[in-house]
Every structure is written in structure tokens, then in C-alpha cells.
Amino acid sequence: MPSLSSFLYKPVKADFASVNRLIVDRLRSDVELVENIGNYIVDSGGKRLRPVVVLLSALANGYSGRNHIKAAAIIEFIHTATLLHDDVVDVSALRRGRETANSHWGNAPSVLVGDFLYSRAFQMLVEIADLSIMSIIADASNLISEGEVQQLANAGNPNISQETYNEVIFKKTAVLFEAAARTGAVLAGSGEAPMARYGRHLGMAFQISDDVLDYKGSSVSTGKHIGADLAEGKMTLPLIFTRDRIDSYKAEVLRELVRGEKSHDFSEILALVETSGGLDYAIDVAKSEVNQACEALKEIPTNEFTHVLRDIAEFAVTRVT
């Protein structure tokens, strides 16, 4: 499997460069702090998978216009806004290997610039003037916000089910991948249903893999502190599986750790998750999501763009295997 960077951008190289130029242009503001924080987070080294999915989805379904460039930038602005808000809510100090914006400038500027990016995205949506795309993006943005609140409400609750976990990660992560894939297909006028399924399963696979990396990655590879989810009281899939497989005494200790009633040695928790099969189970679930994403692609004509979409889905799991 080649590295992601070696194949991801090649079929959409020119369009991706146009997206980046548009992002820089639309970050301009008379308020210097807006530009400083916006540029800092946008230039922080992310892969920009969501805008690439917009481009690939549109081109895979035969689109020949230029609005996919603007739609891709819109998706990236919304994603960036959620990152700014997430880091404030989670009190995060590190993202993509760099100091978070809220650590550098403070919480209030980070939240307000996140709001700026949301509103700029919706200004650009009006320029596209497609009611179907407006509806997709508006609904996705609302679900993302709902998912954030739901995750916050669940923090420190060691008893959440896998079904609740799936609901939250769909809202927080997968829905924007779904929106990206759907938007490209809507622009092309075909393939919306299969591309929606592709995006949804791709997003689920990425989030589950990220949750695995919280246990088996490193700060260098993930760009964030390992064990951060557990420290924030989040019950991710590896931990949910572990809780339901270990004996009642260990399970109660785990619950006390998640509730913040007991200090913990992360290495002990990691050993428990590994020996219970929690990491292997989560990886298997992520692989299933990847398979479903690839199955969805079979419903549209095969071309160079669908090949890359398949590679992106497979990359979601190769990061953790």
C-alpha cells in the first residue's frame, strides 16, 4: 500500500491547488486576529481529506463545472470551525503535533474565529445557490453541533452502549464525510445515494481508527497526546468492548477511572484493552466500515477517481494495522 500522499492528490492536483488558493482568499478579513487564527489552523498540516472527497466524488460522477472547488472549500471551513470549537471544549493543548489555537490565543478568540469560518462557509454556499447542497450542509452542521453536545453530556459516563457511541461518531465525524461525498454527486447530477453511503462508512472507519490510535499510536504519529480520550472520560469503542468483556471487579475499576474517581496508570489501561481484545475488535469494525464504503463505490462507473476513493477508504484502516 503506497503512502497516502503519493496517490491522493494526483488525479485532482490542479483542482486541489485551486481549493487551497480559494481557502486563503476567503480567509481574508479586516480583523487581523481572524486571519492569524484562521491561517494557523488551516495551515496546520491536515490532509484535507473532506475537500478531496468532494472533488473526487464530483469528478467520479462526471462533473465538468467549477463549483466543486467552492464546495470543497466550504467543507474545509466547516471542518476547521469544528476543530477550533472541539479544542476549546476538550481543553486540548495539542493538535496535529502543534499547539492548539486555544492554547496560543485563548478560548474566546478560538470560538469566535470558529464562528467566523462557519458564517463564511454559508456565505459561499449562497454563491453556489443550489438548494439541495445548502440543505445537505445545513443539516450536517446541525448534526455536528448536536453530536458535540451529546459527547459532552456523555463525558464521564462509563455505561454508554456501542449504539450510543456509533450515533455520536456519526454526528461528530461521519456526517461531514457523508456531506462531502453527497455534495460532489449532487453537483454532478448522479450517484448521490451510493456516494452518501461511501462517505458515511468512510467517516465511521476514520473515527474508529482514530479511537484505536488513542491507545496504540504515538504523539508523533497522531499529533495529539495519547490517552487523551480516556483522560477526558470518553468511552470509545475499544474501551466499551473491554468493559463488557472483563470481570466485574476490573469493570468497576474502569468505571471509576472514567468517572474521574480514581487516578490511573495509562499503561495498565492499555494492557487491559489489549488483552481483552478491545483494539482488535475496534479494528475489525473499522474494516467492516471500509468494506461497506468500497461496496458503495461499485454502484457508480469505475474510473481513476473511484480508484482513489477506494484507496482513501483502505487507508483509514492501514493506519492502525
C-alpha atoms as a PDB file:
ATOM      1  CA  MET A   1       0.000   0.000   0.000  1.00  0.00           C
ATOM      2  CA  PRO A   2       1.649   3.323  -1.029  1.00  0.00           C
ATOM      3  CA  SER A   3       1.667   6.245   1.356  1.00  0.00           C
ATOM      4  CA  LEU A   4      -1.438   8.393   1.244  1.00  0.00           C
ATOM      5  CA  SER A   5       0.385  11.430  -0.130  1.00  0.00           C
ATOM      6  CA  SER A   6       1.717   9.506  -3.147  1.00  0.00           C
ATOM      7  CA  PHE A   7      -1.703   8.880  -4.686  1.00  0.00           C
ATOM      8  CA  LEU A   8      -4.291  11.102  -3.038  1.00  0.00           C
ATOM      9  CA  TYR A   9      -3.841  14.373  -4.900  1.00  0.00           C
ATOM     10  CA  LYS A  10      -2.591  13.232  -8.305  1.00  0.00           C
ATOM     11  CA  PRO A  11      -5.957  12.913 -10.137  1.00  0.00           C
ATOM     12  CA  VAL A  12      -7.188  16.230  -8.702  1.00  0.00           C
ATOM     13  CA  LYS A  13      -3.873  18.089  -8.411  1.00  0.00           C
ATOM     14  CA  ALA A  14      -4.958  21.229 -10.256  1.00  0.00           C
ATOM     15  CA  ASP A  15      -8.370  21.379  -8.604  1.00  0.00           C
ATOM     16  CA  PHE A  16      -6.864  20.810  -5.158  1.00  0.00           C
ATOM     17  CA  ALA A  17      -4.461  23.711  -5.746  1.00  0.00           C
ATOM     18  CA  SER A  18      -7.461  25.857  -6.677  1.00  0.00           C
ATOM     19  CA  VAL A  19      -9.197  24.850  -3.434  1.00  0.00           C
ATOM     20  CA  ASN A  20      -6.155  25.895  -1.417  1.00  0.00           C
ATOM     21  CA  ARG A  21      -5.974  29.256  -3.177  1.00  0.00           C
ATOM     22  CA  LEU A  22      -9.663  29.852  -2.572  1.00  0.00           C
ATOM     23  CA  ILE A  23      -9.318  28.971   1.125  1.00  0.00           C
ATOM     24  CA  VAL A  24      -6.525  31.522   1.546  1.00  0.00           C
ATOM     25  CA  ASP A  25      -8.516  34.142  -0.357  1.00  0.00           C
ATOM     26  CA  ARG A  26     -11.707  33.632   1.678  1.00  0.00           C
ATOM     27  CA  LEU A  27      -9.817  33.746   4.982  1.00  0.00           C
ATOM     28  CA  ARG A  28      -9.134  37.417   4.374  1.00  0.00           C
ATOM     29  CA  SER A  29     -10.635  39.732   6.961  1.00  0.00           C
ATOM     30  CA  ASP A  30     -10.237  43.300   8.146  1.00  0.00           C
ATOM     31  CA  VAL A  31      -9.697  41.831  11.616  1.00  0.00           C
ATOM     32  CA  GLU A  32      -6.094  40.648  11.854  1.00  0.00           C
ATOM     33  CA  LEU A  33      -6.793  38.122  14.599  1.00  0.00           C
ATOM     34  CA  VAL A  34      -9.314  36.345  12.383  1.00  0.00           C
ATOM     35  CA  GLU A  35      -6.710  35.858   9.670  1.00  0.00           C
ATOM     36  CA  ASN A  36      -3.996  34.861  12.131  1.00  0.00           C
ATOM     37  CA  ILE A  37      -6.025  32.123  13.802  1.00  0.00           C
ATOM     38  CA  GLY A  38      -7.707  31.010  10.571  1.00  0.00           C
ATOM     39  CA  ASN A  39      -4.416  30.646   8.728  1.00  0.00           C
ATOM     40  CA  TYR A  40      -2.798  28.940  11.713  1.00  0.00           C
ATOM     41  CA  ILE A  41      -5.367  26.166  11.892  1.00  0.00           C
ATOM     42  CA  VAL A  42      -5.805  25.787   8.113  1.00  0.00           C
ATOM     43  CA  ASP A  43      -2.023  25.528   7.634  1.00  0.00           C
ATOM     44  CA  SER A  44      -1.542  23.053  10.476  1.00  0.00           C
ATOM     45  CA  GLY A  45      -0.708  20.092   8.270  1.00  0.00           C
ATOM     46  CA  GLY A  46      -4.028  18.272   7.890  1.00  0.00           C
ATOM     47  CA  LYS A  47      -4.612  16.043   4.847  1.00  0.00           C
ATOM     48  CA  ARG A  48      -7.800  17.878   3.840  1.00  0.00           C
ATOM     49  CA  LEU A  49      -9.489  14.595   3.083  1.00  0.00           C
ATOM     50  CA  ARG A  50     -13.003  16.026   3.190  1.00  0.00           C
ATOM     51  CA  PRO A  51     -12.471  18.594   0.424  1.00  0.00           C
ATOM     52  CA  VAL A  52     -10.607  15.966  -1.611  1.00  0.00           C
ATOM     53  CA  VAL A  53     -13.640  13.681  -1.266  1.00  0.00           C
ATOM     54  CA  VAL A  54     -15.828  16.480  -2.661  1.00  0.00           C
ATOM     55  CA  LEU A  55     -13.558  16.819  -5.689  1.00  0.00           C
ATOM     56  CA  LEU A  56     -13.244  13.077  -6.302  1.00  0.00           C
ATOM     57  CA  SER A  57     -16.978  12.463  -5.840  1.00  0.00           C
ATOM     58  CA  ALA A  58     -17.885  15.176  -8.336  1.00  0.00           C
ATOM     59  CA  LEU A  59     -15.365  14.045 -10.942  1.00  0.00           C
ATOM     60  CA  ALA A  60     -16.102  10.334 -10.437  1.00  0.00           C
ATOM     61  CA  ASN A  61     -19.703  11.076 -11.370  1.00  0.00           C
ATOM     62  CA  GLY A  62     -18.845  13.107 -14.468  1.00  0.00           C
ATOM     63  CA  TYR A  63     -18.974  16.710 -13.221  1.00  0.00           C
ATOM     64  CA  SER A  64     -17.336  19.258 -15.528  1.00  0.00           C
ATOM     65  CA  GLY A  65     -18.069  22.611 -13.866  1.00  0.00           C
ATOM     66  CA  ARG A  66     -16.166  24.646 -11.263  1.00  0.00           C
ATOM     67  CA  ASN A  67     -18.481  24.756  -8.252  1.00  0.00           C
ATOM     68  CA  HIS A  68     -16.813  21.653  -6.809  1.00  0.00           C
ATOM     69  CA  ILE A  69     -13.848  23.915  -5.958  1.00  0.00           C
ATOM     70  CA  LYS A  70     -16.050  26.199  -3.887  1.00  0.00           C
ATOM     71  CA  ALA A  71     -17.929  23.282  -2.325  1.00  0.00           C
ATOM     72  CA  ALA A  72     -14.640  21.686  -1.258  1.00  0.00           C
ATOM     73  CA  ALA A  73     -13.513  24.919   0.408  1.00  0.00           C
ATOM     74  CA  ILE A  74     -16.862  25.187   2.188  1.00  0.00           C
ATOM     75  CA  ILE A  75     -16.464  21.692   3.634  1.00  0.00           C
ATOM     76  CA  GLU A  76     -12.943  22.514   4.815  1.00  0.00           C
ATOM     77  CA  PHE A  77     -14.092  25.741   6.505  1.00  0.00           C
ATOM     78  CA  ILE A  78     -16.816  23.866   8.366  1.00  0.00           C
ATOM     79  CA  HIS A  79     -14.359  21.162   9.413  1.00  0.00           C
ATOM     80  CA  THR A  80     -11.850  23.777  10.584  1.00  0.00           C
ATOM     81  CA  ALA A  81     -14.530  25.549  12.605  1.00  0.00           C
ATOM     82  CA  THR A  82     -15.392  22.296  14.355  1.00  0.00           C
ATOM     83  CA  LEU A  83     -11.712  21.745  15.214  1.00  0.00           C
ATOM     84  CA  LEU A  84     -11.486  25.167  16.829  1.00  0.00           C
ATOM     85  CA  HIS A  85     -14.606  24.524  18.878  1.00  0.00           C
ATOM     86  CA  ASP A  86     -13.593  20.935  19.736  1.00  0.00           C
ATOM     87  CA  ASP A  87     -10.252  22.003  21.157  1.00  0.00           C
ATOM     88  CA  VAL A  88     -11.912  24.551  23.428  1.00  0.00           C
ATOM     89  CA  VAL A  89     -14.498  22.052  24.679  1.00  0.00           C
ATOM     90  CA  ASP A  90     -11.884  19.316  25.191  1.00  0.00           C
ATOM     91  CA  VAL A  91      -9.315  21.743  26.663  1.00  0.00           C
ATOM     92  CA  SER A  92      -6.839  20.326  24.144  1.00  0.00           C
ATOM     93  CA  ALA A  93      -3.263  21.587  24.054  1.00  0.00           C
ATOM     94  CA  LEU A  94      -2.006  19.671  21.012  1.00  0.00           C
ATOM     95  CA  ARG A  95      -3.409  19.003  17.544  1.00  0.00           C
ATOM     96  CA  ARG A  96      -1.514  17.703  14.524  1.00  0.00           C
ATOM     97  CA  GLY A  97       1.677  17.973  16.539  1.00  0.00           C
ATOM     98  CA  ARG A  98       1.289  21.696  17.187  1.00  0.00           C
ATOM     99  CA  GLU A  99      -0.051  23.870  19.951  1.00  0.00           C
ATOM    100  CA  THR A 100      -3.799  24.336  19.557  1.00  0.00           C
ATOM    101  CA  ALA A 101      -5.199  27.741  18.719  1.00  0.00           C
ATOM    102  CA  ASN A 102      -6.954  27.985  22.081  1.00  0.00           C
ATOM    103  CA  SER A 103      -3.675  27.272  23.880  1.00  0.00           C
ATOM    104  CA  HIS A 104      -1.947  30.022  21.900  1.00  0.00           C
ATOM    105  CA  TRP A 105      -4.629  32.727  21.682  1.00  0.00           C
ATOM    106  CA  GLY A 106      -7.176  31.675  24.297  1.00  0.00           C
ATOM    107  CA  ASN A 107     -10.633  30.149  24.242  1.00  0.00           C
ATOM    108  CA  ALA A 108     -12.701  33.197  23.340  1.00  0.00           C
ATOM    109  CA  PRO A 109     -10.803  34.095  20.134  1.00  0.00           C
ATOM    110  CA  SER A 110     -10.819  30.444  19.047  1.00  0.00           C
ATOM    111  CA  VAL A 111     -14.592  30.113  19.465  1.00  0.00           C
ATOM    112  CA  LEU A 112     -15.274  33.390  17.683  1.00  0.00           C
ATOM    113  CA  VAL A 113     -12.998  32.595  14.735  1.00  0.00           C
ATOM    114  CA  GLY A 114     -14.737  29.221  14.511  1.00  0.00           C
ATOM    115  CA  ASP A 115     -18.000  31.145  14.218  1.00  0.00           C
ATOM    116  CA  PHE A 116     -16.432  33.328  11.509  1.00  0.00           C
ATOM    117  CA  LEU A 117     -15.465  30.251   9.494  1.00  0.00           C
ATOM    118  CA  TYR A 118     -18.960  28.786   9.809  1.00  0.00           C
ATOM    119  CA  SER A 119     -20.532  32.010   8.589  1.00  0.00           C
ATOM    120  CA  ARG A 120     -18.013  32.365   5.750  1.00  0.00           C
ATOM    121  CA  ALA A 121     -18.870  28.837   4.623  1.00  0.00           C
ATOM    122  CA  PHE A 122     -22.555  29.717   4.470  1.00  0.00           C
ATOM    123  CA  GLN A 123     -21.812  32.906   2.530  1.00  0.00           C
ATOM    124  CA  MET A 124     -20.071  30.748  -0.055  1.00  0.00           C
ATOM    125  CA  LEU A 125     -22.974  28.314  -0.077  1.00  0.00           C
ATOM    126  CA  VAL A 126     -25.264  31.136  -1.138  1.00  0.00           C
ATOM    127  CA  GLU A 127     -22.909  31.805  -4.058  1.00  0.00           C
ATOM    128  CA  ILE A 128     -23.346  28.212  -5.269  1.00  0.00           C
ATOM    129  CA  ALA A 129     -27.118  28.759  -4.953  1.00  0.00           C
ATOM    130  CA  ASP A 130     -28.105  25.092  -5.007  1.00  0.00           C
ATOM    131  CA  LEU A 131     -30.887  24.382  -2.506  1.00  0.00           C
ATOM    132  CA  SER A 132     -30.050  20.669  -2.299  1.00  0.00           C
ATOM    133  CA  ILE A 133     -26.436  21.375  -1.371  1.00  0.00           C
ATOM    134  CA  MET A 134     -27.494  24.065   1.092  1.00  0.00           C
ATOM    135  CA  SER A 135     -29.755  21.522   2.762  1.00  0.00           C
ATOM    136  CA  ILE A 136     -27.001  18.881   2.935  1.00  0.00           C
ATOM    137  CA  ILE A 137     -24.508  21.288   4.522  1.00  0.00           C
ATOM    138  CA  ALA A 138     -27.037  22.882   6.882  1.00  0.00           C
ATOM    139  CA  ASP A 139     -28.246  19.504   8.126  1.00  0.00           C
ATOM    140  CA  ALA A 140     -24.690  18.228   8.555  1.00  0.00           C
ATOM    141  CA  SER A 141     -23.651  21.333  10.508  1.00  0.00           C
ATOM    142  CA  ASN A 142     -26.625  20.942  12.817  1.00  0.00           C
ATOM    143  CA  LEU A 143     -25.872  17.265  13.443  1.00  0.00           C
ATOM    144  CA  ILE A 144     -22.212  18.022  14.158  1.00  0.00           C
ATOM    145  CA  SER A 145     -23.239  20.515  16.821  1.00  0.00           C
ATOM    146  CA  GLU A 146     -25.729  18.050  18.269  1.00  0.00           C
ATOM    147  CA  GLY A 147     -23.053  15.363  18.364  1.00  0.00           C
ATOM    148  CA  GLU A 148     -20.694  17.686  20.221  1.00  0.00           C
ATOM    149  CA  VAL A 149     -23.309  18.355  22.875  1.00  0.00           C
ATOM    150  CA  GLN A 150     -24.131  14.645  23.102  1.00  0.00           C
ATOM    151  CA  GLN A 151     -20.468  13.735  23.555  1.00  0.00           C
ATOM    152  CA  LEU A 152     -20.073  16.406  26.217  1.00  0.00           C
ATOM    153  CA  ALA A 153     -23.117  15.089  28.058  1.00  0.00           C
ATOM    154  CA  ASN A 154     -21.690  11.559  27.890  1.00  0.00           C
ATOM    155  CA  ALA A 155     -18.252  12.523  29.222  1.00  0.00           C
ATOM    156  CA  GLY A 156     -17.507  10.628  32.414  1.00  0.00           C
ATOM    157  CA  ASN A 157     -20.342   8.153  31.806  1.00  0.00           C
ATOM    158  CA  PRO A 158     -18.793   4.656  31.756  1.00  0.00           C
ATOM    159  CA  ASN A 159     -22.052   2.917  30.829  1.00  0.00           C
ATOM    160  CA  ILE A 160     -22.769   4.176  27.327  1.00  0.00           C
ATOM    161  CA  SER A 161     -23.556   1.495  24.751  1.00  0.00           C
ATOM    162  CA  GLN A 162     -21.913   0.801  21.423  1.00  0.00           C
ATOM    163  CA  GLU A 163     -25.109   2.049  19.777  1.00  0.00           C
ATOM    164  CA  THR A 164     -24.764   5.417  21.516  1.00  0.00           C
ATOM    165  CA  TYR A 165     -21.088   5.536  20.568  1.00  0.00           C
ATOM    166  CA  ASN A 166     -21.983   4.893  16.908  1.00  0.00           C
ATOM    167  CA  GLU A 167     -24.600   7.634  16.987  1.00  0.00           C
ATOM    168  CA  VAL A 168     -22.148  10.164  18.389  1.00  0.00           C
ATOM    169  CA  ILE A 169     -19.302   9.415  15.975  1.00  0.00           C
ATOM    170  CA  PHE A 170     -21.700   9.521  13.039  1.00  0.00           C
ATOM    171  CA  LYS A 171     -22.778  13.012  14.047  1.00  0.00           C
ATOM    172  CA  LYS A 172     -19.342  14.287  15.029  1.00  0.00           C
ATOM    173  CA  THR A 173     -17.288  12.829  12.180  1.00  0.00           C
ATOM    174  CA  ALA A 174     -19.034  10.677   9.601  1.00  0.00           C
ATOM    175  CA  VAL A 175     -21.795  13.132   8.716  1.00  0.00           C
ATOM    176  CA  LEU A 176     -19.332  15.643   7.260  1.00  0.00           C
ATOM    177  CA  PHE A 177     -17.651  12.941   5.145  1.00  0.00           C
ATOM    178  CA  GLU A 178     -21.138  11.939   4.017  1.00  0.00           C
ATOM    179  CA  ALA A 179     -21.954  15.561   3.183  1.00  0.00           C
ATOM    180  CA  ALA A 180     -18.702  15.926   1.230  1.00  0.00           C
ATOM    181  CA  ALA A 181     -19.384  12.833  -0.868  1.00  0.00           C
ATOM    182  CA  ARG A 182     -23.056  13.728  -1.416  1.00  0.00           C
ATOM    183  CA  THR A 183     -22.242  17.296  -2.404  1.00  0.00           C
ATOM    184  CA  GLY A 184     -19.900  16.193  -5.181  1.00  0.00           C
ATOM    185  CA  ALA A 185     -22.507  13.794  -6.523  1.00  0.00           C
ATOM    186  CA  VAL A 186     -25.298  16.394  -6.385  1.00  0.00           C
ATOM    187  CA  LEU A 187     -23.143  18.783  -8.404  1.00  0.00           C
ATOM    188  CA  ALA A 188     -22.640  16.013 -10.972  1.00  0.00           C
ATOM    189  CA  GLY A 189     -26.335  15.150 -11.016  1.00  0.00           C
ATOM    190  CA  SER A 190     -25.814  11.444 -10.319  1.00  0.00           C
ATOM    191  CA  GLY A 191     -24.583   8.953  -7.754  1.00  0.00           C
ATOM    192  CA  GLU A 192     -25.891  10.711  -4.651  1.00  0.00           C
ATOM    193  CA  ALA A 193     -27.157   7.607  -2.802  1.00  0.00           C
ATOM    194  CA  PRO A 194     -24.050   5.435  -3.236  1.00  0.00           C
ATOM    195  CA  MET A 195     -21.732   8.358  -2.555  1.00  0.00           C
ATOM    196  CA  ALA A 196     -23.649   9.182   0.625  1.00  0.00           C
ATOM    197  CA  ARG A 197     -23.132   5.601   1.811  1.00  0.00           C
ATOM    198  CA  TYR A 198     -19.480   5.750   0.845  1.00  0.00           C
ATOM    199  CA  GLY A 199     -18.920   8.952   2.808  1.00  0.00           C
ATOM    200  CA  ARG A 200     -20.818   7.740   5.859  1.00  0.00           C
ATOM    201  CA  HIS A 201     -18.877   4.466   6.122  1.00  0.00           C
ATOM    202  CA  LEU A 202     -15.585   6.200   5.341  1.00  0.00           C
ATOM    203  CA  GLY A 203     -16.174   8.662   8.181  1.00  0.00           C
ATOM    204  CA  MET A 204     -17.092   5.907  10.618  1.00  0.00           C
ATOM    205  CA  ALA A 205     -13.925   3.988   9.706  1.00  0.00           C
ATOM    206  CA  PHE A 206     -11.727   7.034  10.212  1.00  0.00           C
ATOM    207  CA  GLN A 207     -13.182   7.870  13.617  1.00  0.00           C
ATOM    208  CA  ILE A 208     -12.982   4.313  14.909  1.00  0.00           C
ATOM    209  CA  SER A 209      -9.381   4.126  13.699  1.00  0.00           C
ATOM    210  CA  ASP A 210      -8.616   7.421  15.449  1.00  0.00           C
ATOM    211  CA  ASP A 211     -10.040   5.958  18.647  1.00  0.00           C
ATOM    212  CA  VAL A 212      -7.736   2.960  18.268  1.00  0.00           C
ATOM    213  CA  LEU A 213      -4.775   5.280  17.750  1.00  0.00           C
ATOM    214  CA  ASP A 214      -5.566   6.895  21.103  1.00  0.00           C
ATOM    215  CA  TYR A 215      -4.351   3.606  22.595  1.00  0.00           C
ATOM    216  CA  LYS A 216      -1.729   2.301  20.195  1.00  0.00           C
ATOM    217  CA  GLY A 217      -0.414   5.380  18.403  1.00  0.00           C
ATOM    218  CA  SER A 218       2.135   7.943  19.489  1.00  0.00           C
ATOM    219  CA  SER A 219       2.114  11.708  19.900  1.00  0.00           C
ATOM    220  CA  VAL A 220       4.358  11.929  16.845  1.00  0.00           C
ATOM    221  CA  SER A 221       2.093   9.827  14.620  1.00  0.00           C
ATOM    222  CA  THR A 222      -1.250  11.185  15.813  1.00  0.00           C
ATOM    223  CA  GLY A 223      -0.336  14.783  16.608  1.00  0.00           C
ATOM    224  CA  LYS A 224      -2.140  14.644  19.950  1.00  0.00           C
ATOM    225  CA  HIS A 225      -1.472  13.318  23.422  1.00  0.00           C
ATOM    226  CA  ILE A 226      -2.011   9.557  23.647  1.00  0.00           C
ATOM    227  CA  GLY A 227      -4.694   8.580  26.115  1.00  0.00           C
ATOM    228  CA  ALA A 228      -6.429  11.929  25.741  1.00  0.00           C
ATOM    229  CA  ASP A 229      -9.854  10.366  25.196  1.00  0.00           C
ATOM    230  CA  LEU A 230      -9.645   8.359  28.411  1.00  0.00           C
ATOM    231  CA  ALA A 231      -8.389  11.419  30.304  1.00  0.00           C
ATOM    232  CA  GLU A 232     -11.485  13.299  29.085  1.00  0.00           C
ATOM    233  CA  GLY A 233     -13.788  10.495  30.242  1.00  0.00           C
ATOM    234  CA  LYS A 234     -14.748   9.390  26.731  1.00  0.00           C
ATOM    235  CA  MET A 235     -15.944   5.825  26.253  1.00  0.00           C
ATOM    236  CA  THR A 236     -14.627   4.921  22.815  1.00  0.00           C
ATOM    237  CA  LEU A 237     -15.149   1.566  21.097  1.00  0.00           C
ATOM    238  CA  PRO A 238     -12.025  -0.246  22.412  1.00  0.00           C
ATOM    239  CA  LEU A 239     -12.952   0.703  25.967  1.00  0.00           C
ATOM    240  CA  ILE A 240     -16.638  -0.191  25.560  1.00  0.00           C
ATOM    241  CA  PHE A 241     -15.692  -3.660  24.310  1.00  0.00           C
ATOM    242  CA  THR A 242     -13.184  -4.063  27.160  1.00  0.00           C
ATOM    243  CA  ARG A 243     -15.728  -3.042  29.808  1.00  0.00           C
ATOM    244  CA  ASP A 244     -18.147  -5.692  28.578  1.00  0.00           C
ATOM    245  CA  ARG A 245     -15.543  -8.488  28.469  1.00  0.00           C
ATOM    246  CA  ILE A 246     -13.593  -8.158  31.727  1.00  0.00           C
ATOM    247  CA  ASP A 247     -14.651  -9.399  35.150  1.00  0.00           C
ATOM    248  CA  SER A 248     -16.945  -7.291  37.311  1.00  0.00           C
ATOM    249  CA  TYR A 249     -14.189  -6.094  39.651  1.00  0.00           C
ATOM    250  CA  LYS A 250     -11.987  -4.804  36.832  1.00  0.00           C
ATOM    251  CA  ALA A 251     -15.018  -3.333  35.089  1.00  0.00           C
ATOM    252  CA  GLU A 252     -15.901  -1.338  38.202  1.00  0.00           C
ATOM    253  CA  VAL A 253     -12.326  -0.062  38.454  1.00  0.00           C
ATOM    254  CA  LEU A 254     -12.570   1.005  34.818  1.00  0.00           C
ATOM    255  CA  ARG A 255     -15.833   2.810  35.549  1.00  0.00           C
ATOM    256  CA  GLU A 256     -14.214   4.668  38.454  1.00  0.00           C
ATOM    257  CA  LEU A 257     -11.397   5.787  36.168  1.00  0.00           C
ATOM    258  CA  VAL A 258     -13.793   7.079  33.524  1.00  0.00           C
ATOM    259  CA  ARG A 259     -15.834   8.916  36.155  1.00  0.00           C
ATOM    260  CA  GLY A 260     -12.618  10.514  37.415  1.00  0.00           C
ATOM    261  CA  GLU A 261     -12.938   8.935  40.850  1.00  0.00           C
ATOM    262  CA  LYS A 262      -9.571   7.188  40.674  1.00  0.00           C
ATOM    263  CA  SER A 263      -6.205   8.145  39.225  1.00  0.00           C
ATOM    264  CA  HIS A 264      -4.788   5.723  36.705  1.00  0.00           C
ATOM    265  CA  ASP A 265      -1.642   4.496  35.036  1.00  0.00           C
ATOM    266  CA  PHE A 266      -2.382   4.610  31.302  1.00  0.00           C
ATOM    267  CA  SER A 267      -0.096   1.641  30.643  1.00  0.00           C
ATOM    268  CA  GLU A 268      -2.321  -0.517  32.871  1.00  0.00           C
ATOM    269  CA  ILE A 269      -5.437   0.552  30.975  1.00  0.00           C
ATOM    270  CA  LEU A 270      -3.692  -0.090  27.663  1.00  0.00           C
ATOM    271  CA  ALA A 271      -2.730  -3.586  28.777  1.00  0.00           C
ATOM    272  CA  LEU A 272      -6.318  -4.278  29.805  1.00  0.00           C
ATOM    273  CA  VAL A 273      -7.684  -3.058  26.460  1.00  0.00           C
ATOM    274  CA  GLU A 274      -5.131  -5.100  24.536  1.00  0.00           C
ATOM    275  CA  THR A 275      -5.584  -8.357  26.459  1.00  0.00           C
ATOM    276  CA  SER A 276      -9.380  -8.146  26.305  1.00  0.00           C
ATOM    277  CA  GLY A 277      -9.269  -7.848  22.519  1.00  0.00           C
ATOM    278  CA  GLY A 278     -10.693  -4.310  22.517  1.00  0.00           C
ATOM    279  CA  LEU A 279      -8.245  -2.971  19.950  1.00  0.00           C
ATOM    280  CA  ASP A 280      -8.629  -5.966  17.627  1.00  0.00           C
ATOM    281  CA  TYR A 281     -12.417  -5.702  17.857  1.00  0.00           C
ATOM    282  CA  ALA A 282     -12.405  -1.993  17.013  1.00  0.00           C
ATOM    283  CA  ILE A 283     -10.069  -2.582  14.063  1.00  0.00           C
ATOM    284  CA  ASP A 284     -12.391  -5.307  12.766  1.00  0.00           C
ATOM    285  CA  VAL A 285     -15.349  -2.927  12.997  1.00  0.00           C
ATOM    286  CA  ALA A 286     -13.382  -0.263  11.131  1.00  0.00           C
ATOM    287  CA  LYS A 287     -12.505  -2.800   8.423  1.00  0.00           C
ATOM    288  CA  SER A 288     -16.196  -3.638   8.068  1.00  0.00           C
ATOM    289  CA  GLU A 289     -16.963   0.055   7.560  1.00  0.00           C
ATOM    290  CA  VAL A 290     -14.245   0.248   4.888  1.00  0.00           C
ATOM    291  CA  ASN A 291     -15.705  -2.768   3.093  1.00  0.00           C
ATOM    292  CA  GLN A 292     -19.136  -1.138   3.068  1.00  0.00           C
ATOM    293  CA  ALA A 293     -17.656   2.097   1.705  1.00  0.00           C
ATOM    294  CA  CYS A 294     -15.956   0.188  -1.109  1.00  0.00           C
ATOM    295  CA  GLU A 295     -19.154  -1.746  -1.873  1.00  0.00           C
ATOM    296  CA  ALA A 296     -20.984   1.550  -2.346  1.00  0.00           C
ATOM    297  CA  LEU A 297     -18.446   2.612  -4.979  1.00  0.00           C
ATOM    298  CA  LYS A 298     -19.396  -0.394  -7.121  1.00  0.00           C
ATOM    299  CA  GLU A 299     -22.685   1.333  -7.898  1.00  0.00           C
ATOM    300  CA  ILE A 300     -21.010   4.062  -9.943  1.00  0.00           C
ATOM    301  CA  PRO A 301     -18.837   3.646 -13.071  1.00  0.00           C
ATOM    302  CA  THR A 302     -15.248   2.677 -12.307  1.00  0.00           C
ATOM    303  CA  ASN A 303     -12.678   5.325 -13.183  1.00  0.00           C
ATOM    304  CA  GLU A 304      -9.437   6.833 -11.897  1.00  0.00           C
ATOM    305  CA  PHE A 305     -11.345   8.845  -9.285  1.00  0.00           C
ATOM    306  CA  THR A 306     -13.190   5.861  -7.820  1.00  0.00           C
ATOM    307  CA  HIS A 307      -9.846   4.071  -7.526  1.00  0.00           C
ATOM    308  CA  VAL A 308      -8.551   6.876  -5.315  1.00  0.00           C
ATOM    309  CA  LEU A 309     -11.758   6.937  -3.278  1.00  0.00           C
ATOM    310  CA  ARG A 310     -11.236   3.228  -2.612  1.00  0.00           C
ATOM    311  CA  ASP A 311      -7.599   3.843  -1.634  1.00  0.00           C
ATOM    312  CA  ILE A 312      -8.671   6.555   0.815  1.00  0.00           C
ATOM    313  CA  ALA A 313     -11.119   4.148   2.450  1.00  0.00           C
ATOM    314  CA  GLU A 314      -8.456   1.464   2.778  1.00  0.00           C
ATOM    315  CA  PHE A 315      -6.019   4.000   4.232  1.00  0.00           C
ATOM    316  CA  ALA A 316      -8.435   4.584   7.105  1.00  0.00           C
ATOM    317  CA  VAL A 317      -7.569   1.144   8.466  1.00  0.00           C
ATOM    318  CA  THR A 318      -3.966   0.744   7.313  1.00  0.00           C
ATOM    319  CA  ARG A 319      -3.062   3.500   9.795  1.00  0.00           C
ATOM    320  CA  VAL A 320      -3.801   1.132  12.672  1.00  0.00           C
ATOM    321  CA  THR A 321      -2.827  -2.278  11.287  1.00  0.00           C
END
